[in-house]
């Protein structure tokens, strides 16, 4: 995952690396809000993103551990078949 930061500290994801190592550039972010991940469970910051012209949701779930370097995790809900 590649992330940029605004001056106010807002994280802006720029690129996703999939499980198989393939990388996808995020074309644009149209919304950032607190939301639940209905398919995967958990709650965090939901980014509405576009990758290759397709809309998807990217989540950042904050860690409950207040110490250490791991502040959270990024994930994308899997599409249903």
PDB file of N, CA and C in Angstrom:
ATOM      1  N   UNK A   1       0.852  -1.165   0.000  1.00  0.00           N
ATOM      2  CA  UNK A   1       0.000   0.000   0.000  1.00  0.00           C
ATOM      3  C   UNK A   1       0.894   1.223   0.000  1.00  0.00           C
ATOM      4  N   UNK A   2       0.638   2.128  -0.902  1.00  0.00           N
ATOM      5  CA  UNK A   2       1.309   3.423  -0.892  1.00  0.00           C
ATOM      6  C   UNK A   2       0.300   4.466  -0.463  1.00  0.00           C
ATOM      7  N   UNK A   3       0.706   5.323   0.473  1.00  0.00           N
ATOM      8  CA  UNK A   3      -0.187   6.321   1.037  1.00  0.00           C
ATOM      9  C   UNK A   3       0.523   7.666   1.064  1.00  0.00           C
ATOM     10  N   UNK A   4      -0.217   8.713   0.714  1.00  0.00           N
ATOM     11  CA  UNK A   4       0.264  10.084   0.856  1.00  0.00           C
ATOM     12  C   UNK A   4      -0.504  10.707   2.019  1.00  0.00           C
ATOM     13  N   UNK A   5      -0.021  11.821   2.505  1.00  0.00           N
ATOM     14  CA  UNK A   5      -0.673  12.504   3.628  1.00  0.00           C
ATOM     15  C   UNK A   5      -0.906  13.970   3.296  1.00  0.00           C
ATOM     16  N   UNK A   6      -2.095  14.473   3.632  1.00  0.00           N
ATOM     17  CA  UNK A   6      -2.381  15.905   3.535  1.00  0.00           C
ATOM     18  C   UNK A   6      -1.692  16.611   4.704  1.00  0.00           C
ATOM     19  N   UNK A   7      -1.630  17.913   4.645  1.00  0.00           N
ATOM     20  CA  UNK A   7      -1.035  18.702   5.726  1.00  0.00           C
ATOM     21  C   UNK A   7      -1.767  18.485   7.053  1.00  0.00           C
ATOM     22  N   UNK A   8      -3.087  18.171   6.995  1.00  0.00           N
ATOM     23  CA  UNK A   8      -3.866  17.951   8.222  1.00  0.00           C
ATOM     24  C   UNK A   8      -3.741  16.521   8.753  1.00  0.00           C
ATOM     25  N   UNK A   9      -2.936  15.679   8.077  1.00  0.00           N
ATOM     26  CA  UNK A   9      -2.726  14.305   8.526  1.00  0.00           C
ATOM     27  C   UNK A   9      -3.630  13.268   7.889  1.00  0.00           C
ATOM     28  N   UNK A  10      -4.577  13.686   7.071  1.00  0.00           N
ATOM     29  CA  UNK A  10      -5.474  12.744   6.396  1.00  0.00           C
ATOM     30  C   UNK A  10      -4.668  11.828   5.476  1.00  0.00           C
ATOM     31  N   UNK A  11      -4.902  10.521   5.597  1.00  0.00           N
ATOM     32  CA  UNK A  11      -4.232   9.547   4.737  1.00  0.00           C
ATOM     33  C   UNK A  11      -4.948   9.459   3.397  1.00  0.00           C
ATOM     34  N   UNK A  12      -4.165   9.448   2.329  1.00  0.00           N
ATOM     35  CA  UNK A  12      -4.710   9.322   0.976  1.00  0.00           C
ATOM     36  C   UNK A  12      -4.022   8.160   0.278  1.00  0.00           C
ATOM     37  N   UNK A  13      -4.700   7.009   0.202  1.00  0.00           N
ATOM     38  CA  UNK A  13      -4.085   5.855  -0.457  1.00  0.00           C
ATOM     39  C   UNK A  13      -3.866   6.139  -1.938  1.00  0.00           C
ATOM     40  N   UNK A  14      -2.721   5.702  -2.465  1.00  0.00           N
ATOM     41  CA  UNK A  14      -2.361   5.952  -3.863  1.00  0.00           C
ATOM     42  C   UNK A  14      -2.245   4.681  -4.689  1.00  0.00           C
ATOM     43  N   UNK A  15      -1.894   3.571  -4.039  1.00  0.00           N
ATOM     44  CA  UNK A  15      -1.684   2.319  -4.767  1.00  0.00           C
ATOM     45  C   UNK A  15      -1.955   1.145  -3.832  1.00  0.00           C
ATOM     46  N   UNK A  16      -2.617   0.121  -4.369  1.00  0.00           N
ATOM     47  CA  UNK A  16      -2.914  -1.102  -3.627  1.00  0.00           C
ATOM     48  C   UNK A  16      -2.049  -2.221  -4.188  1.00  0.00           C
ATOM     49  N   UNK A  17      -1.437  -3.002  -3.324  1.00  0.00           N
ATOM     50  CA  UNK A  17      -0.735  -4.210  -3.745  1.00  0.00           C
ATOM     51  C   UNK A  17      -1.594  -5.394  -3.348  1.00  0.00           C
ATOM     52  N   UNK A  18      -2.048  -6.157  -4.349  1.00  0.00           N
ATOM     53  CA  UNK A  18      -2.928  -7.298  -4.109  1.00  0.00           C
ATOM     54  C   UNK A  18      -2.151  -8.457  -3.498  1.00  0.00           C
ATOM     55  N   UNK A  19      -2.852  -9.490  -3.028  1.00  0.00           N
ATOM     56  CA  UNK A  19      -2.222 -10.646  -2.378  1.00  0.00           C
ATOM     57  C   UNK A  19      -1.174 -11.325  -3.261  1.00  0.00           C
ATOM     58  N   UNK A  20      -1.394 -11.319  -4.572  1.00  0.00           N
ATOM     59  CA  UNK A  20      -0.454 -11.975  -5.485  1.00  0.00           C
ATOM     60  C   UNK A  20       0.692 -11.058  -5.919  1.00  0.00           C
ATOM     61  N   UNK A  21       0.754  -9.856  -5.353  1.00  0.00           N
ATOM     62  CA  UNK A  21       1.827  -8.913  -5.658  1.00  0.00           C
ATOM     63  C   UNK A  21       1.493  -7.919  -6.759  1.00  0.00           C
ATOM     64  N   UNK A  22       0.359  -8.113  -7.443  1.00  0.00           N
ATOM     65  CA  UNK A  22      -0.026  -7.172  -8.500  1.00  0.00           C
ATOM     66  C   UNK A  22      -0.400  -5.831  -7.880  1.00  0.00           C
ATOM     67  N   UNK A  23       0.031  -4.752  -8.527  1.00  0.00           N
ATOM     68  CA  UNK A  23      -0.220  -3.407  -8.004  1.00  0.00           C
ATOM     69  C   UNK A  23      -1.273  -2.702  -8.843  1.00  0.00           C
ATOM     70  N   UNK A  24      -2.116  -1.947  -8.154  1.00  0.00           N
ATOM     71  CA  UNK A  24      -3.180  -1.194  -8.802  1.00  0.00           C
ATOM     72  C   UNK A  24      -3.121   0.248  -8.322  1.00  0.00           C
ATOM     73  N   UNK A  25      -2.975   1.176  -9.263  1.00  0.00           N
ATOM     74  CA  UNK A  25      -2.977   2.591  -8.922  1.00  0.00           C
ATOM     75  C   UNK A  25      -4.413   3.043  -8.670  1.00  0.00           C
ATOM     76  N   UNK A  26      -4.606   3.828  -7.633  1.00  0.00           N
ATOM     77  CA  UNK A  26      -5.922   4.385  -7.328  1.00  0.00           C
ATOM     78  C   UNK A  26      -6.090   5.640  -8.171  1.00  0.00           C
ATOM     79  N   UNK A  27      -7.088   5.623  -9.067  1.00  0.00           N
ATOM     80  CA  UNK A  27      -7.318   6.743  -9.980  1.00  0.00           C
ATOM     81  C   UNK A  27      -7.804   7.986  -9.240  1.00  0.00           C
ATOM     82  N   UNK A  28      -8.759   7.780  -8.323  1.00  0.00           N
ATOM     83  CA  UNK A  28      -9.272   8.914  -7.550  1.00  0.00           C
ATOM     84  C   UNK A  28     -10.014   8.422  -6.314  1.00  0.00           C
ATOM     85  N   UNK A  29     -10.137   9.316  -5.353  1.00  0.00           N
ATOM     86  CA  UNK A  29     -10.894   9.082  -4.119  1.00  0.00           C
ATOM     87  C   UNK A  29     -12.045  10.073  -4.139  1.00  0.00           C
ATOM     88  N   UNK A  30     -13.265   9.574  -4.021  1.00  0.00           N
ATOM     89  CA  UNK A  30     -14.421  10.468  -4.084  1.00  0.00           C
ATOM     90  C   UNK A  30     -15.079  10.704  -2.729  1.00  0.00           C
ATOM     91  N   UNK A  31     -14.739   9.884  -1.716  1.00  0.00           N
ATOM     92  CA  UNK A  31     -15.369  10.052  -0.401  1.00  0.00           C
ATOM     93  C   UNK A  31     -14.537   9.346   0.652  1.00  0.00           C
ATOM     94  N   UNK A  32     -14.500   9.931   1.840  1.00  0.00           N
ATOM     95  CA  UNK A  32     -13.878   9.303   3.018  1.00  0.00           C
ATOM     96  C   UNK A  32     -14.855   9.499   4.167  1.00  0.00           C
ATOM     97  N   UNK A  33     -15.236   8.388   4.818  1.00  0.00           N
ATOM     98  CA  UNK A  33     -16.165   8.482   5.957  1.00  0.00           C
ATOM     99  C   UNK A  33     -15.994   7.283   6.875  1.00  0.00           C
ATOM    100  N   UNK A  34     -16.486   7.405   8.106  1.00  0.00           N
ATOM    101  CA  UNK A  34     -16.541   6.283   9.031  1.00  0.00           C
ATOM    102  C   UNK A  34     -17.667   5.366   8.582  1.00  0.00           C
ATOM    103  N   UNK A  35     -17.378   4.064   8.496  1.00  0.00           N
ATOM    104  CA  UNK A  35     -18.404   3.121   8.059  1.00  0.00           C
ATOM    105  C   UNK A  35     -18.018   1.707   8.457  1.00  0.00           C
ATOM    106  N   UNK A  36     -19.021   0.857   8.552  1.00  0.00           N
ATOM    107  CA  UNK A  36     -18.803  -0.567   8.833  1.00  0.00           C
ATOM    108  C   UNK A  36     -18.540  -1.304   7.530  1.00  0.00           C
ATOM    109  N   UNK A  37     -17.676  -2.297   7.612  1.00  0.00           N
ATOM    110  CA  UNK A  37     -17.441  -3.200   6.482  1.00  0.00           C
ATOM    111  C   UNK A  37     -18.456  -4.325   6.607  1.00  0.00           C
ATOM    112  N   UNK A  38     -19.541  -4.228   5.881  1.00  0.00           N
ATOM    113  CA  UNK A  38     -20.658  -5.154   6.050  1.00  0.00           C
ATOM    114  C   UNK A  38     -20.298  -6.596   5.711  1.00  0.00           C
ATOM    115  N   UNK A  39     -19.461  -6.828   4.699  1.00  0.00           N
ATOM    116  CA  UNK A  39     -19.110  -8.192   4.295  1.00  0.00           C
ATOM    117  C   UNK A  39     -17.982  -8.761   5.136  1.00  0.00           C
ATOM    118  N   UNK A  40     -17.032  -7.917   5.523  1.00  0.00           N
ATOM    119  CA  UNK A  40     -15.832  -8.404   6.207  1.00  0.00           C
ATOM    120  C   UNK A  40     -15.889  -8.227   7.718  1.00  0.00           C
ATOM    121  N   UNK A  41     -16.826  -7.424   8.202  1.00  0.00           N
ATOM    122  CA  UNK A  41     -16.867  -7.117   9.626  1.00  0.00           C
ATOM    123  C   UNK A  41     -15.862  -6.031   9.954  1.00  0.00           C
ATOM    124  N   UNK A  42     -16.011  -5.435  11.111  1.00  0.00           N
ATOM    125  CA  UNK A  42     -15.110  -4.367  11.511  1.00  0.00           C
ATOM    126  C   UNK A  42     -15.640  -3.017  11.078  1.00  0.00           C
ATOM    127  N   UNK A  43     -14.987  -1.985  11.578  1.00  0.00           N
ATOM    128  CA  UNK A  43     -15.389  -0.623  11.254  1.00  0.00           C
ATOM    129  C   UNK A  43     -14.151   0.245  11.184  1.00  0.00           C
ATOM    130  N   UNK A  44     -14.215   1.246  10.357  1.00  0.00           N
ATOM    131  CA  UNK A  44     -13.086   2.152  10.236  1.00  0.00           C
ATOM    132  C   UNK A  44     -13.369   3.235   9.229  1.00  0.00           C
ATOM    133  N   UNK A  45     -12.312   3.751   8.623  1.00  0.00           N
ATOM    134  CA  UNK A  45     -12.443   4.770   7.600  1.00  0.00           C
ATOM    135  C   UNK A  45     -12.690   4.069   6.270  1.00  0.00           C
ATOM    136  N   UNK A  46     -13.799   4.433   5.608  1.00  0.00           N
ATOM    137  CA  UNK A  46     -14.110   3.844   4.308  1.00  0.00           C
ATOM    138  C   UNK A  46     -13.806   4.867   3.225  1.00  0.00           C
ATOM    139  N   UNK A  47     -12.948   4.464   2.307  1.00  0.00           N
ATOM    140  CA  UNK A  47     -12.578   5.299   1.172  1.00  0.00           C
ATOM    141  C   UNK A  47     -13.315   4.777  -0.052  1.00  0.00           C
ATOM    142  N   UNK A  48     -14.079   5.634  -0.721  1.00  0.00           N
ATOM    143  CA  UNK A  48     -14.668   5.271  -1.997  1.00  0.00           C
ATOM    144  C   UNK A  48     -13.620   5.608  -3.041  1.00  0.00           C
ATOM    145  N   UNK A  49     -13.135   4.582  -3.726  1.00  0.00           N
ATOM    146  CA  UNK A  49     -12.031   4.754  -4.675  1.00  0.00           C
ATOM    147  C   UNK A  49     -12.429   4.256  -6.058  1.00  0.00           C
ATOM    148  N   UNK A  50     -11.676   4.701  -7.047  1.00  0.00           N
ATOM    149  CA  UNK A  50     -11.823   4.193  -8.402  1.00  0.00           C
ATOM    150  C   UNK A  50     -10.474   3.657  -8.848  1.00  0.00           C
ATOM    151  N   UNK A  51     -10.489   2.407  -9.333  1.00  0.00           N
ATOM    152  CA  UNK A  51      -9.305   1.746  -9.870  1.00  0.00           C
ATOM    153  C   UNK A  51      -9.683   1.236 -11.252  1.00  0.00           C
ATOM    154  N   UNK A  52      -8.958   1.686 -12.252  1.00  0.00           N
ATOM    155  CA  UNK A  52      -9.240   1.301 -13.639  1.00  0.00           C
ATOM    156  C   UNK A  52     -10.697   1.564 -14.012  1.00  0.00           C
ATOM    157  N   UNK A  53     -11.226   2.670 -13.518  1.00  0.00           N
ATOM    158  CA  UNK A  53     -12.588   3.079 -13.834  1.00  0.00           C
ATOM    159  C   UNK A  53     -13.680   2.392 -13.042  1.00  0.00           C
ATOM    160  N   UNK A  54     -13.320   1.466 -12.150  1.00  0.00           N
ATOM    161  CA  UNK A  54     -14.309   0.727 -11.353  1.00  0.00           C
ATOM    162  C   UNK A  54     -14.317   1.231  -9.911  1.00  0.00           C
ATOM    163  N   UNK A  55     -15.523   1.475  -9.386  1.00  0.00           N
ATOM    164  CA  UNK A  55     -15.654   1.919  -7.995  1.00  0.00           C
ATOM    165  C   UNK A  55     -15.470   0.749  -7.053  1.00  0.00           C
ATOM    166  N   UNK A  56     -14.813   1.004  -5.937  1.00  0.00           N
ATOM    167  CA  UNK A  56     -14.634  -0.001  -4.894  1.00  0.00           C
ATOM    168  C   UNK A  56     -14.527   0.723  -3.566  1.00  0.00           C
ATOM    169  N   UNK A  57     -14.595  -0.039  -2.485  1.00  0.00           N
ATOM    170  CA  UNK A  57     -14.414   0.520  -1.142  1.00  0.00           C
ATOM    171  C   UNK A  57     -13.134  -0.035  -0.548  1.00  0.00           C
ATOM    172  N   UNK A  58     -12.331   0.855  -0.008  1.00  0.00           N
ATOM    173  CA  UNK A  58     -11.093   0.515   0.673  1.00  0.00           C
ATOM    174  C   UNK A  58     -11.259   0.965   2.116  1.00  0.00           C
ATOM    175  N   UNK A  59     -10.917   0.089   3.055  1.00  0.00           N
ATOM    176  CA  UNK A  59     -11.089   0.395   4.471  1.00  0.00           C
ATOM    177  C   UNK A  59      -9.753   0.487   5.183  1.00  0.00           C
ATOM    178  N   UNK A  60      -9.677   1.395   6.154  1.00  0.00           N
ATOM    179  CA  UNK A  60      -8.561   1.434   7.090  1.00  0.00           C
ATOM    180  C   UNK A  60      -9.158   1.223   8.471  1.00  0.00           C
ATOM    181  N   UNK A  61      -8.811   0.094   9.090  1.00  0.00           N
ATOM    182  CA  UNK A  61      -9.303  -0.252  10.418  1.00  0.00           C
ATOM    183  C   UNK A  61      -8.192   0.034  11.421  1.00  0.00           C
ATOM    184  N   UNK A  62      -8.460   0.929  12.340  1.00  0.00           N
ATOM    185  CA  UNK A  62      -7.461   1.328  13.328  1.00  0.00           C
ATOM    186  C   UNK A  62      -7.237   0.232  14.361  1.00  0.00           C
ATOM    187  N   UNK A  63      -5.991   0.070  14.760  1.00  0.00           N
ATOM    188  CA  UNK A  63      -5.633  -0.913  15.777  1.00  0.00           C
ATOM    189  C   UNK A  63      -6.090  -0.425  17.143  1.00  0.00           C
ATOM    190  N   UNK A  64      -6.505  -1.343  17.993  1.00  0.00           N
ATOM    191  CA  UNK A  64      -6.868  -0.982  19.366  1.00  0.00           C
ATOM    192  C   UNK A  64      -5.641  -0.941  20.265  1.00  0.00           C
ATOM    193  N   UNK A  65      -4.514  -1.473  19.777  1.00  0.00           N
ATOM    194  CA  UNK A  65      -3.258  -1.447  20.526  1.00  0.00           C
ATOM    195  C   UNK A  65      -2.672  -0.040  20.438  1.00  0.00           C
ATOM    196  N   UNK A  66      -2.455   0.603  21.564  1.00  0.00           N
ATOM    197  CA  UNK A  66      -1.983   1.985  21.578  1.00  0.00           C
ATOM    198  C   UNK A  66      -0.470   2.102  21.543  1.00  0.00           C
ATOM    199  N   UNK A  67       0.235   0.985  21.558  1.00  0.00           N
ATOM    200  CA  UNK A  67       1.697   1.026  21.509  1.00  0.00           C
ATOM    201  C   UNK A  67       2.200   0.266  20.299  1.00  0.00           C
ATOM    202  N   UNK A  68       3.426   0.516  19.920  1.00  0.00           N
ATOM    203  CA  UNK A  68       4.013  -0.196  18.785  1.00  0.00           C
ATOM    204  C   UNK A  68       3.846   0.565  17.483  1.00  0.00           C
ATOM    205  N   UNK A  69       4.353  -0.030  16.416  1.00  0.00           N
ATOM    206  CA  UNK A  69       4.343   0.614  15.108  1.00  0.00           C
ATOM    207  C   UNK A  69       3.126   0.281  14.262  1.00  0.00           C
ATOM    208  N   UNK A  70       2.339  -0.700  14.658  1.00  0.00           N
ATOM    209  CA  UNK A  70       1.178  -1.133  13.877  1.00  0.00           C
ATOM    210  C   UNK A  70      -0.037  -0.295  14.271  1.00  0.00           C
ATOM    211  N   UNK A  71      -0.392   0.695  13.430  1.00  0.00           N
ATOM    212  CA  UNK A  71      -1.505   1.580  13.773  1.00  0.00           C
ATOM    213  C   UNK A  71      -2.836   1.108  13.204  1.00  0.00           C
ATOM    214  N   UNK A  72      -2.802   0.145  12.296  1.00  0.00           N
ATOM    215  CA  UNK A  72      -4.038  -0.356  11.720  1.00  0.00           C
ATOM    216  C   UNK A  72      -3.766  -1.206  10.503  1.00  0.00           C
ATOM    217  N   UNK A  73      -4.859  -1.552   9.795  1.00  0.00           N
ATOM    218  CA  UNK A  73      -4.711  -2.380   8.597  1.00  0.00           C
ATOM    219  C   UNK A  73      -5.642  -1.874   7.509  1.00  0.00           C
ATOM    220  N   UNK A  74      -5.185  -2.026   6.279  1.00  0.00           N
ATOM    221  CA  UNK A  74      -5.971  -1.705   5.101  1.00  0.00           C
ATOM    222  C   UNK A  74      -6.587  -2.987   4.558  1.00  0.00           C
ATOM    223  N   UNK A  75      -7.819  -2.903   4.059  1.00  0.00           N
ATOM    224  CA  UNK A  75      -8.403  -4.054   3.375  1.00  0.00           C
ATOM    225  C   UNK A  75      -9.490  -3.608   2.409  1.00  0.00           C
ATOM    226  N   UNK A  76      -9.726  -4.452   1.428  1.00  0.00           N
ATOM    227  CA  UNK A  76     -10.798  -4.262   0.449  1.00  0.00           C
ATOM    228  C   UNK A  76     -11.749  -5.438   0.624  1.00  0.00           C
ATOM    229  N   UNK A  77     -13.048  -5.155   0.701  1.00  0.00           N
ATOM    230  CA  UNK A  77     -14.008  -6.256   0.781  1.00  0.00           C
ATOM    231  C   UNK A  77     -13.992  -7.042  -0.519  1.00  0.00           C
ATOM    232  N   UNK A  78     -14.032  -8.359  -0.400  1.00  0.00           N
ATOM    233  CA  UNK A  78     -14.071  -9.209  -1.594  1.00  0.00           C
ATOM    234  C   UNK A  78     -15.429  -9.099  -2.251  1.00  0.00           C
ATOM    235  N   UNK A  79     -15.421  -9.187  -3.556  1.00  0.00           N
ATOM    236  CA  UNK A  79     -16.682  -9.148  -4.312  1.00  0.00           C
ATOM    237  C   UNK A  79     -17.385 -10.490  -4.181  1.00  0.00           C
ATOM    238  N   UNK A  80     -18.707 -10.450  -4.129  1.00  0.00           N
ATOM    239  CA  UNK A  80     -19.509 -11.678  -4.077  1.00  0.00           C
ATOM    240  C   UNK A  80     -19.615 -12.259  -5.482  1.00  0.00           C
ATOM    241  N   UNK A  81     -19.666 -13.578  -5.557  1.00  0.00           N
ATOM    242  CA  UNK A  81     -19.844 -14.240  -6.859  1.00  0.00           C
ATOM    243  C   UNK A  81     -21.294 -14.538  -7.109  1.00  0.00           C
TER     244      UNK A  81
END
